[in-house]
Amino acid sequence: MGGGGKGGRSSSAGDNTIRYAPYLEEAHREALKDLKELVEAALGQSPYDTFVELPYKDALLHPDYELTDYPALWDMFGKFVAGLDVHKLWHQTYQDVTYSGEIQAAVSAQAQVIQDEIDVSVMPKFLAGMRDINAVNASSFVVGKAIIQDSAVKAVNTFAANIRIEALKLSASIWSRHLDWSQAVVASYSEMMKLYFMTHMDMEELRLKFAAKHEMWDLNLMEHVRAMLGALGGGTPITDQNQPSQTQKSLAGALSGAAAGASIAGPWGAGIGGAVGLAASFL
């Protein structure tokens, strides 16, 4: 008779049966009985055959379009960055801002204000002064009126020059923002395409994982039987055969880390990011 919690061999000659303490054998027998009922009830009852793929394509694209219906990434880069003439863009921006209708309207309005000031205030005083000295018919009267009008023209030109200098500064700022915007469009377009492909890959991985789990459902139930049969002998952990191996996790972590590092700090960043991603895969 074998005794003790770890089991022992029977003492009968030629009998190699390993026995355990009676309470352990009884508990093991009851557990196997219960497990048998649970496994029989679970056979053919895989919950993974009801996988419904989320309509991510309709959420990212128009339902009536495919990704190929949109411009290619390289076309967008050529249009917004590579094919952009920065000198022509600067000249066009300068012309649009500096000689815009708003600038012309502001100059015309200022000229009218100055002329009104001359007609209402300056010229009446000048005429009254010339009459007082009886010089209305003198040449100085004509010269004086010419000087007043010349001052008005100079004031308008000064105003126009100042506002166009400010417009020049503004046009340089707009030009710079336009360049940044062109680069941002390509970067955003690239991220949108990356999001589409990453979402597609994630959904495909999830679909295949559920399909594999569904097909392996009955077979994986036997893992619990195997583990229970070997429980008294120490047993082994139950493993999910549908999960990626550590090698796959390590490779995926290293690649994703390298990609993130390269986008931030180039080749050196890729090396550091790959190391970090590899380490994170073991956590």
Protein backbone atom coordinates (compact mmCIF):
# COMPACT_ATOMS: atom_id res chain seq x y z
CA MET A 1 0.00 0.00 0.00
CA GLY A 2 1.39 3.41 -0.86
CA GLY A 3 1.07 6.19 1.67
CA GLY A 4 1.78 9.89 1.95
CA GLY A 5 0.79 12.85 -0.14
CA LYS A 6 3.38 12.27 -2.89
CA GLY A 7 2.27 8.76 -3.71
CA GLY A 8 4.22 5.52 -3.61
CA ARG A 9 4.61 2.19 -5.36
CA SER A 10 2.77 -0.96 -4.31
CA SER A 11 4.99 -3.51 -2.52
CA SER A 12 3.55 -6.52 -4.38
CA ALA A 13 6.05 -8.23 -6.67
CA GLY A 14 5.67 -7.14 -10.24
CA ASP A 15 3.03 -4.53 -9.34
CA ASN A 16 4.23 -1.00 -10.36
CA THR A 17 0.97 0.74 -9.57
CA ILE A 18 1.50 4.20 -8.03
CA ARG A 19 -0.94 4.91 -5.23
CA TYR A 20 -1.69 8.09 -3.32
CA ALA A 21 -3.36 8.89 -0.06
CA PRO A 22 -6.98 7.70 -0.18
CA TYR A 23 -8.38 11.21 0.31
CA LEU A 24 -6.35 12.46 -2.66
CA GLU A 25 -7.47 9.61 -4.89
CA GLU A 26 -11.09 10.16 -3.90
CA ALA A 27 -10.83 13.90 -4.54
CA HIS A 28 -9.17 13.21 -7.88
CA ARG A 29 -11.91 10.74 -8.83
CA GLU A 30 -14.64 13.26 -8.02
CA ALA A 31 -12.84 16.01 -9.88
CA LEU A 32 -12.50 13.81 -12.99
CA LYS A 33 -16.19 12.98 -12.79
CA ASP A 34 -17.16 16.63 -12.60
CA LEU A 35 -14.71 17.56 -15.36
CA LYS A 36 -16.12 14.84 -17.61
CA GLU A 37 -19.58 16.34 -17.30
CA LEU A 38 -18.28 19.87 -17.96
CA VAL A 39 -16.26 18.82 -21.00
CA GLU A 40 -19.16 16.85 -22.47
CA ALA A 41 -21.41 19.87 -21.99
CA ALA A 42 -18.86 22.22 -23.57
CA LEU A 43 -18.11 20.05 -26.61
CA GLY A 44 -19.46 21.68 -29.76
CA GLN A 45 -20.40 24.84 -27.86
CA SER A 46 -17.65 27.15 -29.11
CA PRO A 47 -18.59 30.82 -28.53
CA TYR A 48 -16.14 31.95 -31.23
CA ASP A 49 -18.35 31.06 -34.21
CA THR A 50 -20.43 34.21 -33.74
CA PHE A 51 -17.65 36.68 -34.56
CA VAL A 52 -19.06 39.74 -36.32
CA GLU A 53 -16.54 41.93 -38.12
CA LEU A 54 -16.93 45.59 -37.27
CA PRO A 55 -17.62 47.82 -40.31
CA TYR A 56 -14.32 49.63 -39.96
CA LYS A 57 -14.04 50.20 -43.72
CA ASP A 58 -17.32 52.10 -43.77
CA ALA A 59 -16.13 54.12 -40.77
CA LEU A 60 -12.81 55.04 -42.38
CA LEU A 61 -13.89 55.20 -46.03
CA HIS A 62 -17.12 56.05 -47.77
CA PRO A 63 -19.18 52.86 -48.17
CA ASP A 64 -19.17 53.28 -51.97
CA TYR A 65 -15.40 53.76 -52.24
CA GLU A 66 -12.26 51.69 -51.89
CA LEU A 67 -8.84 52.86 -50.76
CA THR A 68 -7.65 52.85 -54.39
CA ASP A 69 -10.30 55.46 -55.21
CA TYR A 70 -8.29 58.01 -53.22
CA PRO A 71 -4.97 59.60 -54.28
CA ALA A 72 -1.85 57.57 -53.60
CA LEU A 73 0.47 58.73 -50.83
CA TRP A 74 3.26 59.48 -53.29
CA ASP A 75 0.88 61.55 -55.42
CA MET A 76 -0.05 63.61 -52.38
CA PHE A 77 3.63 64.11 -51.53
CA GLY A 78 4.40 65.22 -55.08
CA LYS A 79 1.47 67.64 -55.15
CA PHE A 80 1.92 69.26 -51.75
CA VAL A 81 5.69 69.04 -51.15
CA ALA A 82 7.91 67.85 -54.00
CA GLY A 83 6.11 69.78 -56.74
CA LEU A 84 5.65 72.96 -54.74
CA ASP A 85 7.54 76.02 -56.07
CA VAL A 86 8.24 77.96 -52.87
CA HIS A 87 9.40 81.09 -54.74
CA LYS A 88 6.26 81.21 -56.87
CA LEU A 89 4.17 80.57 -53.79
CA TRP A 90 5.85 83.47 -51.95
CA HIS A 91 5.26 85.87 -54.86
CA GLN A 92 1.65 84.79 -55.20
CA THR A 93 1.06 85.17 -51.46
CA TYR A 94 2.71 88.60 -51.46
CA GLN A 95 0.58 89.80 -54.37
CA ASP A 96 -2.63 88.41 -52.92
CA VAL A 97 -2.09 90.03 -49.53
CA THR A 98 -0.32 93.29 -50.35
CA TYR A 99 -2.49 94.28 -53.30
CA SER A 100 -5.72 92.73 -52.16
CA GLY A 101 -9.04 94.51 -52.43
CA GLU A 102 -9.04 95.07 -48.66
CA ILE A 103 -5.73 96.97 -48.81
CA GLN A 104 -6.93 99.08 -51.72
CA ALA A 105 -10.16 99.85 -49.90
CA ALA A 106 -8.24 100.90 -46.77
CA VAL A 107 -6.00 103.25 -48.79
CA SER A 108 -8.98 104.77 -50.60
CA ALA A 109 -10.82 105.29 -47.32
CA GLN A 110 -7.79 107.01 -45.78
CA ALA A 111 -7.43 109.25 -48.84
CA GLN A 112 -11.08 110.27 -48.52
CA VAL A 113 -10.62 111.03 -44.81
CA ILE A 114 -7.60 113.23 -45.56
CA GLN A 115 -9.39 115.02 -48.40
CA ASP A 116 -12.41 115.65 -46.19
CA GLU A 117 -10.12 117.11 -43.53
CA ILE A 118 -8.63 119.45 -46.15
CA ASP A 119 -12.00 120.50 -47.55
CA VAL A 120 -13.63 121.04 -44.16
CA SER A 121 -10.82 122.38 -42.00
CA VAL A 122 -7.58 123.21 -43.79
CA MET A 123 -8.79 124.88 -46.97
CA PRO A 124 -11.37 127.26 -45.37
CA LYS A 125 -8.70 128.56 -42.99
CA PHE A 126 -6.28 128.99 -45.88
CA LEU A 127 -8.80 130.87 -47.98
CA ALA A 128 -9.75 133.13 -45.08
CA GLY A 129 -6.11 133.96 -44.43
CA MET A 130 -5.44 134.74 -48.08
CA ARG A 131 -8.48 137.05 -48.21
CA ASP A 132 -7.31 138.85 -45.11
CA ILE A 133 -4.02 139.72 -46.76
CA ASN A 134 -5.75 140.38 -50.11
CA ALA A 135 -3.70 137.68 -51.86
CA VAL A 136 -6.46 135.64 -53.43
CA ASN A 137 -5.41 136.71 -56.91
CA ALA A 138 -1.69 136.36 -56.23
CA SER A 139 0.45 133.48 -57.39
CA SER A 140 1.09 132.55 -53.76
CA PHE A 141 -2.59 131.53 -53.49
CA VAL A 142 -2.17 128.90 -56.21
CA VAL A 143 1.13 127.75 -54.77
CA GLY A 144 -0.42 127.42 -51.32
CA LYS A 145 -3.31 125.27 -52.61
CA ALA A 146 -0.78 123.08 -54.48
CA ILE A 147 1.27 122.62 -51.31
CA ILE A 148 -1.84 121.58 -49.35
CA GLN A 149 -2.83 119.02 -51.99
CA ASP A 150 0.75 117.77 -52.20
CA SER A 151 0.72 117.22 -48.44
CA ALA A 152 -2.50 115.21 -48.83
CA VAL A 153 -0.93 113.02 -51.51
CA LYS A 154 2.14 112.44 -49.36
CA ALA A 155 -0.02 111.54 -46.36
CA VAL A 156 -1.96 109.00 -48.45
CA ASN A 157 1.26 107.53 -49.87
CA THR A 158 2.76 107.28 -46.39
CA PHE A 159 -0.34 105.47 -45.15
CA ALA A 160 -0.30 103.12 -48.15
CA ALA A 161 3.43 102.38 -47.68
CA ASN A 162 3.00 101.61 -43.97
CA ILE A 163 0.01 99.34 -44.48
CA ARG A 164 1.76 97.48 -47.31
CA ILE A 165 4.88 96.97 -45.16
CA GLU A 166 2.66 95.36 -42.51
CA ALA A 167 0.98 93.35 -45.27
CA LEU A 168 4.42 92.19 -46.44
CA LYS A 169 5.19 90.90 -42.96
CA LEU A 170 1.82 89.18 -42.87
CA SER A 171 2.35 87.62 -46.30
CA ALA A 172 5.66 86.11 -45.11
CA SER A 173 3.85 84.60 -42.15
CA ILE A 174 1.07 83.25 -44.37
CA TRP A 175 3.64 81.81 -46.79
CA SER A 176 5.42 80.04 -43.94
CA ARG A 177 2.14 78.68 -42.61
CA HIS A 178 1.25 77.48 -46.10
CA LEU A 179 4.49 75.48 -46.29
CA ASP A 180 3.82 73.98 -42.86
CA TRP A 181 0.28 73.18 -43.91
CA SER A 182 1.46 71.39 -47.08
CA GLN A 183 3.78 69.21 -45.03
CA ALA A 184 1.08 68.59 -42.44
CA VAL A 185 -1.36 67.46 -45.14
CA VAL A 186 1.05 64.78 -46.35
CA ALA A 187 1.88 63.70 -42.79
CA SER A 188 -1.82 63.50 -41.88
CA TYR A 189 -2.59 61.60 -45.08
CA SER A 190 0.20 59.16 -44.25
CA GLU A 191 -1.14 58.65 -40.73
CA MET A 192 -4.64 58.11 -42.10
CA MET A 193 -3.40 55.41 -44.47
CA LYS A 194 -1.38 53.86 -41.67
CA LEU A 195 -4.48 53.85 -39.48
CA TYR A 196 -6.44 52.10 -42.22
CA PHE A 197 -3.86 49.35 -42.72
CA MET A 198 -3.25 48.89 -39.00
CA THR A 199 -6.99 48.62 -38.38
CA HIS A 200 -7.30 46.16 -41.26
CA MET A 201 -4.44 44.04 -39.89
CA ASP A 202 -5.88 44.11 -36.36
CA MET A 203 -9.31 43.05 -37.58
CA GLU A 204 -7.84 40.29 -39.73
CA GLU A 205 -5.76 39.07 -36.81
CA LEU A 206 -8.83 39.08 -34.57
CA ARG A 207 -10.93 37.28 -37.20
CA LEU A 208 -8.30 34.59 -37.72
CA LYS A 209 -7.76 34.22 -33.98
CA PHE A 210 -11.47 33.70 -33.39
CA ALA A 211 -11.66 31.27 -36.31
CA ALA A 212 -8.72 29.29 -34.90
CA LYS A 213 -10.22 29.25 -31.43
CA HIS A 214 -13.51 28.05 -32.86
CA GLU A 215 -11.88 25.18 -34.78
CA MET A 216 -9.66 24.26 -31.82
CA TRP A 217 -12.38 24.57 -29.19
CA ASP A 218 -13.13 20.87 -28.72
CA LEU A 219 -9.48 19.90 -28.97
CA ASN A 220 -8.40 22.52 -26.45
CA LEU A 221 -10.96 21.18 -24.01
CA MET A 222 -8.77 18.08 -23.82
CA GLU A 223 -6.06 20.26 -22.30
CA HIS A 224 -8.14 20.41 -19.14
CA VAL A 225 -8.56 16.65 -19.16
CA ARG A 226 -4.84 16.14 -19.63
CA ALA A 227 -4.06 18.55 -16.82
CA MET A 228 -6.53 16.86 -14.48
CA LEU A 229 -5.21 13.37 -15.29
CA GLY A 230 -1.69 14.46 -14.40
CA ALA A 231 -2.71 16.55 -11.39
CA LEU A 232 -1.60 14.03 -8.76
CA GLY A 233 1.79 13.70 -10.39
CA GLY A 234 2.44 17.44 -10.32
CA GLY A 235 0.82 18.21 -13.66
CA THR A 236 1.71 20.93 -16.13
CA PRO A 237 0.09 24.32 -16.74
CA ILE A 238 -2.73 24.58 -19.25
CA THR A 239 -1.56 26.47 -22.32
CA ASP A 240 -3.66 28.24 -24.91
CA GLN A 241 -2.43 26.97 -28.26
CA ASN A 242 -4.08 29.88 -30.06
CA GLN A 243 -1.95 32.56 -28.42
CA PRO A 244 1.24 33.81 -30.16
CA SER A 245 4.51 32.39 -28.93
CA GLN A 246 7.07 34.46 -27.05
CA THR A 247 9.21 34.54 -30.20
CA GLN A 248 6.34 36.10 -32.14
CA LYS A 249 5.64 38.58 -29.33
CA SER A 250 9.32 39.51 -29.14
CA LEU A 251 9.59 40.03 -32.88
CA ALA A 252 6.41 42.12 -33.01
CA GLY A 253 7.51 44.20 -30.02
CA ALA A 254 10.96 44.82 -31.45
CA LEU A 255 9.60 45.84 -34.86
CA SER A 256 6.97 48.18 -33.45
CA GLY A 257 9.51 49.76 -31.10
CA ALA A 258 12.01 50.20 -33.91
CA ALA A 259 9.38 51.85 -36.10
CA ALA A 260 8.42 54.27 -33.35
CA GLY A 261 12.05 55.08 -32.56
CA ALA A 262 12.93 55.64 -36.21
CA SER A 263 10.06 58.09 -36.65
CA ILE A 264 11.42 60.13 -33.74
CA ALA A 265 15.20 59.90 -33.90
CA GLY A 266 16.21 58.13 -37.10
CA PRO A 267 18.46 55.02 -37.19
CA TRP A 268 19.70 55.48 -33.62
CA GLY A 269 16.13 55.83 -32.42
CA ALA A 270 15.21 52.65 -34.29
CA GLY A 271 17.88 50.68 -32.41
CA ILE A 272 16.83 52.03 -29.04
CA GLY A 273 13.12 51.61 -29.82
CA GLY A 274 13.69 48.02 -30.93
CA ALA A 275 15.45 47.19 -27.67
CA VAL A 276 12.66 48.76 -25.63
CA GLY A 277 10.00 46.93 -27.64
CA LEU A 278 11.80 43.62 -27.20
CA ALA A 279 12.03 44.12 -23.45
CA ALA A 280 8.37 45.12 -23.23
CA SER A 281 7.28 41.89 -24.95
CA PHE A 282 8.37 39.87 -21.91
CA LEU A 283 6.21 41.92 -19.52
